PDB file of all heavy atoms in Angstrom:
ATOM      1  N   SER A   1       2.598 -12.787   0.144  1.00  0.00           N
ATOM      2  CA  SER A   1       2.171 -11.886  -0.925  1.00  0.00           C
ATOM      3  C   SER A   1       3.134 -10.722  -1.138  1.00  0.00           C
ATOM      4  O   SER A   1       4.178 -10.612  -0.491  1.00  0.00           O
ATOM      5  CB  SER A   1       0.781 -11.325  -0.590  1.00  0.00           C
ATOM      6  OG  SER A   1       0.893 -10.332   0.428  1.00  0.00           O
ATOM      7  N   THR A   2       2.721  -9.826  -2.053  1.00  0.00           N
ATOM      8  CA  THR A   2       3.481  -8.600  -2.305  1.00  0.00           C
ATOM      9  C   THR A   2       3.547  -7.701  -1.072  1.00  0.00           C
ATOM     10  O   THR A   2       4.271  -6.701  -1.067  1.00  0.00           O
ATOM     11  CB  THR A   2       2.878  -7.808  -3.485  1.00  0.00           C
ATOM     12  OG1 THR A   2       1.452  -7.895  -3.452  1.00  0.00           O
ATOM     13  CG2 THR A   2       3.373  -8.318  -4.814  1.00  0.00           C
ATOM     14  N   ARG A   3       2.817  -8.057  -0.035  1.00  0.00           N
ATOM     15  CA  ARG A   3       2.974  -7.378   1.251  1.00  0.00           C
ATOM     16  C   ARG A   3       4.431  -7.427   1.714  1.00  0.00           C
ATOM     17  O   ARG A   3       4.909  -6.534   2.421  1.00  0.00           O
ATOM     18  CB  ARG A   3       2.054  -8.037   2.279  1.00  0.00           C
ATOM     19  CG  ARG A   3       2.265  -7.587   3.705  1.00  0.00           C
ATOM     20  CD  ARG A   3       1.250  -8.213   4.625  1.00  0.00           C
ATOM     21  NE  ARG A   3       0.023  -7.426   4.611  1.00  0.00           N
ATOM     22  CZ  ARG A   3      -0.795  -7.289   5.652  1.00  0.00           C
ATOM     23  NH1 ARG A   3      -0.533  -7.906   6.770  1.00  0.00           N
ATOM     24  NH2 ARG A   3      -1.876  -6.538   5.576  1.00  0.00           N
ATOM     25  N   MET A   4       5.157  -8.488   1.293  1.00  0.00           N
ATOM     26  CA  MET A   4       6.561  -8.615   1.681  1.00  0.00           C
ATOM     27  C   MET A   4       7.395  -7.465   1.116  1.00  0.00           C
ATOM     28  O   MET A   4       8.401  -7.066   1.718  1.00  0.00           O
ATOM     29  CB  MET A   4       7.109  -9.963   1.221  1.00  0.00           C
ATOM     30  CG  MET A   4       8.564 -10.233   1.600  1.00  0.00           C
ATOM     31  SD  MET A   4       8.937 -10.153   3.379  1.00  0.00           S
ATOM     32  CE  MET A   4       8.193 -11.689   3.959  1.00  0.00           C
ATOM     33  N   VAL A   5       7.001  -6.902  -0.038  1.00  0.00           N
ATOM     34  CA  VAL A   5       7.706  -5.733  -0.564  1.00  0.00           C
ATOM     35  C   VAL A   5       7.564  -4.577   0.423  1.00  0.00           C
ATOM     36  O   VAL A   5       8.536  -3.878   0.749  1.00  0.00           O
ATOM     37  CB  VAL A   5       7.173  -5.331  -1.955  1.00  0.00           C
ATOM     38  CG1 VAL A   5       7.880  -4.069  -2.449  1.00  0.00           C
ATOM     39  CG2 VAL A   5       7.346  -6.472  -2.954  1.00  0.00           C
ATOM     40  N   GLY A   6       6.339  -4.373   0.910  1.00  0.00           N
ATOM     41  CA  GLY A   6       6.123  -3.339   1.918  1.00  0.00           C
ATOM     42  C   GLY A   6       6.900  -3.607   3.192  1.00  0.00           C
ATOM     43  O   GLY A   6       7.405  -2.678   3.831  1.00  0.00           O
ATOM     44  N   ALA A   7       7.015  -4.885   3.563  1.00  0.00           N
ATOM     45  CA  ALA A   7       7.774  -5.246   4.767  1.00  0.00           C
ATOM     46  C   ALA A   7       9.235  -4.859   4.620  1.00  0.00           C
ATOM     47  O   ALA A   7       9.855  -4.351   5.569  1.00  0.00           O
ATOM     48  CB  ALA A   7       7.647  -6.744   5.029  1.00  0.00           C
ATOM     49  N   VAL A   8       9.809  -5.077   3.447  1.00  0.00           N
ATOM     50  CA  VAL A   8      11.205  -4.705   3.206  1.00  0.00           C
ATOM     51  C   VAL A   8      11.375  -3.187   3.331  1.00  0.00           C
ATOM     52  O   VAL A   8      12.333  -2.701   3.945  1.00  0.00           O
ATOM     53  CB  VAL A   8      11.666  -5.201   1.818  1.00  0.00           C
ATOM     54  CG1 VAL A   8      13.013  -4.598   1.437  1.00  0.00           C
ATOM     55  CG2 VAL A   8      11.746  -6.726   1.795  1.00  0.00           C
ATOM     56  N   VAL A   9      10.435  -2.440   2.753  1.00  0.00           N
ATOM     57  CA  VAL A   9      10.496  -0.973   2.834  1.00  0.00           C
ATOM     58  C   VAL A   9      10.449  -0.516   4.285  1.00  0.00           C
ATOM     59  O   VAL A   9      11.279   0.290   4.726  1.00  0.00           O
ATOM     60  CB  VAL A   9       9.335  -0.336   2.038  1.00  0.00           C
ATOM     61  CG1 VAL A   9       9.321   1.185   2.238  1.00  0.00           C
ATOM     62  CG2 VAL A   9       9.424  -0.680   0.566  1.00  0.00           C
ATOM     63  N   MET A  10       9.487  -1.036   5.060  1.00  0.00           N
ATOM     64  CA  MET A  10       9.243  -0.516   6.410  1.00  0.00           C
ATOM     65  C   MET A  10      10.184  -1.087   7.466  1.00  0.00           C
ATOM     66  O   MET A  10      10.310  -0.516   8.540  1.00  0.00           O
ATOM     67  CB  MET A  10       7.799  -0.776   6.808  1.00  0.00           C
ATOM     68  CG  MET A  10       6.800   0.013   5.990  1.00  0.00           C
ATOM     69  SD  MET A  10       5.169   0.079   6.764  1.00  0.00           S
ATOM     70  CE  MET A  10       4.750  -1.648   6.768  1.00  0.00           C
ATOM     71  N   THR A  11      10.838  -2.207   7.171  1.00  0.00           N
ATOM     72  CA  THR A  11      11.799  -2.757   8.124  1.00  0.00           C
ATOM     73  C   THR A  11      13.147  -2.066   8.015  1.00  0.00           C
ATOM     74  O   THR A  11      13.811  -1.804   9.022  1.00  0.00           O
ATOM     75  CB  THR A  11      11.983  -4.270   7.893  1.00  0.00           C
ATOM     76  OG1 THR A  11      10.729  -4.937   8.065  1.00  0.00           O
ATOM     77  CG2 THR A  11      12.995  -4.868   8.860  1.00  0.00           C
ATOM     78  N   HIS A  12      13.565  -1.759   6.780  1.00  0.00           N
ATOM     79  CA  HIS A  12      14.927  -1.281   6.563  1.00  0.00           C
ATOM     80  C   HIS A  12      15.043   0.185   6.165  1.00  0.00           C
ATOM     81  O   HIS A  12      16.116   0.772   6.308  1.00  0.00           O
ATOM     82  CB  HIS A  12      15.603  -2.126   5.481  1.00  0.00           C
ATOM     83  CG  HIS A  12      15.632  -3.591   5.782  1.00  0.00           C
ATOM     84  ND1 HIS A  12      16.185  -4.094   6.931  1.00  0.00           N
ATOM     85  CD2 HIS A  12      15.165  -4.664   5.080  1.00  0.00           C
ATOM     86  CE1 HIS A  12      16.067  -5.415   6.926  1.00  0.00           C
ATOM     87  NE2 HIS A  12      15.457  -5.778   5.823  1.00  0.00           N
ATOM     88  N   GLY A  13      13.975   0.792   5.654  1.00  0.00           N
ATOM     89  CA  GLY A  13      14.070   2.144   5.122  1.00  0.00           C
ATOM     90  C   GLY A  13      14.425   3.180   6.177  1.00  0.00           C
ATOM     91  O   GLY A  13      14.157   3.002   7.369  1.00  0.00           O
ATOM     92  N   ASP A  14      15.039   4.281   5.716  1.00  0.00           N
ATOM     93  CA  ASP A  14      15.350   5.391   6.615  1.00  0.00           C
ATOM     94  C   ASP A  14      14.878   6.695   5.971  1.00  0.00           C
ATOM     95  O   ASP A  14      14.185   6.676   4.949  1.00  0.00           O
ATOM     96  CB  ASP A  14      16.836   5.426   6.974  1.00  0.00           C
ATOM     97  CG  ASP A  14      17.748   5.645   5.761  1.00  0.00           C
ATOM     98  OD1 ASP A  14      17.263   6.078   4.691  1.00  0.00           O
ATOM     99  OD2 ASP A  14      18.962   5.376   5.876  1.00  0.00           O
ATOM    100  N   ASP A  15      15.271   7.817   6.554  1.00  0.00           N
ATOM    101  CA  ASP A  15      14.772   9.103   6.075  1.00  0.00           C
ATOM    102  C   ASP A  15      15.330   9.503   4.714  1.00  0.00           C
ATOM    103  O   ASP A  15      14.874  10.488   4.122  1.00  0.00           O
ATOM    104  CB  ASP A  15      15.071  10.197   7.098  1.00  0.00           C
ATOM    105  CG  ASP A  15      14.193  10.077   8.344  1.00  0.00           C
ATOM    106  OD1 ASP A  15      13.218   9.302   8.305  1.00  0.00           O
ATOM    107  OD2 ASP A  15      14.492  10.745   9.354  1.00  0.00           O
ATOM    108  N   LYS A  16      16.297   8.751   4.195  1.00  0.00           N
ATOM    109  CA  LYS A  16      16.815   9.008   2.853  1.00  0.00           C
ATOM    110  C   LYS A  16      16.178   8.113   1.802  1.00  0.00           C
ATOM    111  O   LYS A  16      16.421   8.282   0.614  1.00  0.00           O
ATOM    112  CB  LYS A  16      18.330   8.835   2.827  1.00  0.00           C
ATOM    113  CG  LYS A  16      19.084   9.891   3.616  1.00  0.00           C
ATOM    114  CD  LYS A  16      20.579   9.743   3.429  1.00  0.00           C
ATOM    115  CE  LYS A  16      21.340  10.859   4.149  1.00  0.00           C
ATOM    116  NZ  LYS A  16      22.801  10.724   3.937  1.00  0.00           N
ATOM    117  N   GLY A  17      15.389   7.135   2.243  1.00  0.00           N
ATOM    118  CA  GLY A  17      14.731   6.257   1.280  1.00  0.00           C
ATOM    119  C   GLY A  17      14.842   4.796   1.647  1.00  0.00           C
ATOM    120  O   GLY A  17      14.872   4.424   2.819  1.00  0.00           O
ATOM    121  N   LEU A  18      14.897   3.959   0.614  1.00  0.00           N
ATOM    122  CA  LEU A  18      15.017   2.515   0.812  1.00  0.00           C
ATOM    123  C   LEU A  18      16.417   2.155   1.284  1.00  0.00           C
ATOM    124  O   LEU A  18      17.392   2.854   1.009  1.00  0.00           O
ATOM    125  CB  LEU A  18      14.756   1.771  -0.502  1.00  0.00           C
ATOM    126  CG  LEU A  18      13.423   1.962  -1.211  1.00  0.00           C
ATOM    127  CD1 LEU A  18      13.421   1.177  -2.510  1.00  0.00           C
ATOM    128  CD2 LEU A  18      12.277   1.513  -0.324  1.00  0.00           C
ATOM    129  N   ARG A  19      16.496   1.018   1.975  1.00  0.00           N
ATOM    130  CA  ARG A  19      17.773   0.338   2.204  1.00  0.00           C
ATOM    131  C   ARG A  19      17.492  -1.131   1.878  1.00  0.00           C
ATOM    132  O   ARG A  19      16.901  -1.843   2.684  1.00  0.00           O
ATOM    133  CB  ARG A  19      18.256   0.474   3.655  1.00  0.00           C
ATOM    134  CG  ARG A  19      18.637   1.880   4.052  1.00  0.00           C
ATOM    135  CD  ARG A  19      19.407   1.898   5.381  1.00  0.00           C
ATOM    136  NE  ARG A  19      18.692   1.157   6.423  1.00  0.00           N
ATOM    137  CZ  ARG A  19      19.238   0.814   7.591  1.00  0.00           C
ATOM    138  NH1 ARG A  19      20.493   1.118   7.866  1.00  0.00           N
ATOM    139  NH2 ARG A  19      18.533   0.157   8.500  1.00  0.00           N
ATOM    140  N   LEU A  20      17.866  -1.543   0.698  1.00  0.00           N
ATOM    141  CA  LEU A  20      17.490  -2.874   0.238  1.00  0.00           C
ATOM    142  C   LEU A  20      18.533  -3.915   0.632  1.00  0.00           C
ATOM    143  O   LEU A  20      19.737  -3.695   0.454  1.00  0.00           O
ATOM    144  CB  LEU A  20      17.325  -2.882  -1.280  1.00  0.00           C
ATOM    145  CG  LEU A  20      16.173  -2.033  -1.828  1.00  0.00           C
ATOM    146  CD1 LEU A  20      16.171  -2.084  -3.353  1.00  0.00           C
ATOM    147  CD2 LEU A  20      14.825  -2.510  -1.275  1.00  0.00           C
ATOM    148  N   PRO A  21      18.072  -5.071   1.128  1.00  0.00           N
ATOM    149  CA  PRO A  21      19.019  -6.160   1.368  1.00  0.00           C
ATOM    150  C   PRO A  21      19.585  -6.631   0.031  1.00  0.00           C
ATOM    151  O   PRO A  21      18.839  -6.782  -0.948  1.00  0.00           O
ATOM    152  CB  PRO A  21      18.157  -7.243   2.031  1.00  0.00           C
ATOM    153  CG  PRO A  21      16.748  -6.897   1.696  1.00  0.00           C
ATOM    154  CD  PRO A  21      16.700  -5.421   1.513  1.00  0.00           C
ATOM    155  N   PRO A  22      20.886  -6.853  -0.055  1.00  0.00           N
ATOM    156  CA  PRO A  22      21.510  -7.195  -1.338  1.00  0.00           C
ATOM    157  C   PRO A  22      20.881  -8.381  -2.061  1.00  0.00           C
ATOM    158  O   PRO A  22      20.818  -8.396  -3.293  1.00  0.00           O
ATOM    159  CB  PRO A  22      22.957  -7.495  -0.941  1.00  0.00           C
ATOM    160  CG  PRO A  22      23.197  -6.613   0.244  1.00  0.00           C
ATOM    161  CD  PRO A  22      21.904  -6.624   0.996  1.00  0.00           C
ATOM    162  N   LYS A  23      20.383  -9.367  -1.316  1.00  0.00           N
ATOM    163  CA  LYS A  23      19.821 -10.547  -1.982  1.00  0.00           C
ATOM    164  C   LYS A  23      18.542 -10.228  -2.749  1.00  0.00           C
ATOM    165  O   LYS A  23      18.172 -10.968  -3.658  1.00  0.00           O
ATOM    166  CB  LYS A  23      19.577 -11.666  -0.973  1.00  0.00           C
ATOM    167  CG  LYS A  23      20.862 -12.288  -0.449  1.00  0.00           C
ATOM    168  CD  LYS A  23      20.576 -13.485   0.443  1.00  0.00           C
ATOM    169  CE  LYS A  23      21.866 -14.113   0.959  1.00  0.00           C
ATOM    170  NZ  LYS A  23      21.606 -15.283   1.834  1.00  0.00           N
ATOM    171  N   LEU A  24      17.853  -9.136  -2.397  1.00  0.00           N
ATOM    172  CA  LEU A  24      16.606  -8.772  -3.087  1.00  0.00           C
ATOM    173  C   LEU A  24      16.731  -7.520  -3.937  1.00  0.00           C
ATOM    174  O   LEU A  24      15.812  -7.200  -4.688  1.00  0.00           O
ATOM    175  CB  LEU A  24      15.481  -8.566  -2.065  1.00  0.00           C
ATOM    176  CG  LEU A  24      14.996  -9.802  -1.304  1.00  0.00           C
ATOM    177  CD1 LEU A  24      13.827  -9.438  -0.407  1.00  0.00           C
ATOM    178  CD2 LEU A  24      14.587 -10.928  -2.255  1.00  0.00           C
ATOM    179  N   ALA A  25      17.835  -6.810  -3.836  1.00  0.00           N
ATOM    180  CA  ALA A  25      17.981  -5.547  -4.570  1.00  0.00           C
ATOM    181  C   ALA A  25      18.048  -5.793  -6.069  1.00  0.00           C
ATOM    182  O   ALA A  25      18.847  -6.626  -6.520  1.00  0.00           O
ATOM    183  CB  ALA A  25      19.243  -4.827  -4.114  1.00  0.00           C
ATOM    184  N   PRO A  26      17.224  -5.090  -6.861  1.00  0.00           N
ATOM    185  CA  PRO A  26      17.318  -5.236  -8.320  1.00  0.00           C
ATOM    186  C   PRO A  26      18.731  -4.955  -8.820  1.00  0.00           C
ATOM    187  O   PRO A  26      19.236  -5.667  -9.691  1.00  0.00           O
ATOM    188  CB  PRO A  26      16.323  -4.197  -8.831  1.00  0.00           C
ATOM    189  CG  PRO A  26      15.314  -4.069  -7.735  1.00  0.00           C
ATOM    190  CD  PRO A  26      16.113  -4.208  -6.474  1.00  0.00           C
TER     191      PRO A  26
END
């Protein structure tokens, strides 16, 4: 589900914000 969006945020994010994996980054 869209829970995977939250997983991306909480696995990679840091104190400056998101860190998106290139394959999923808009």
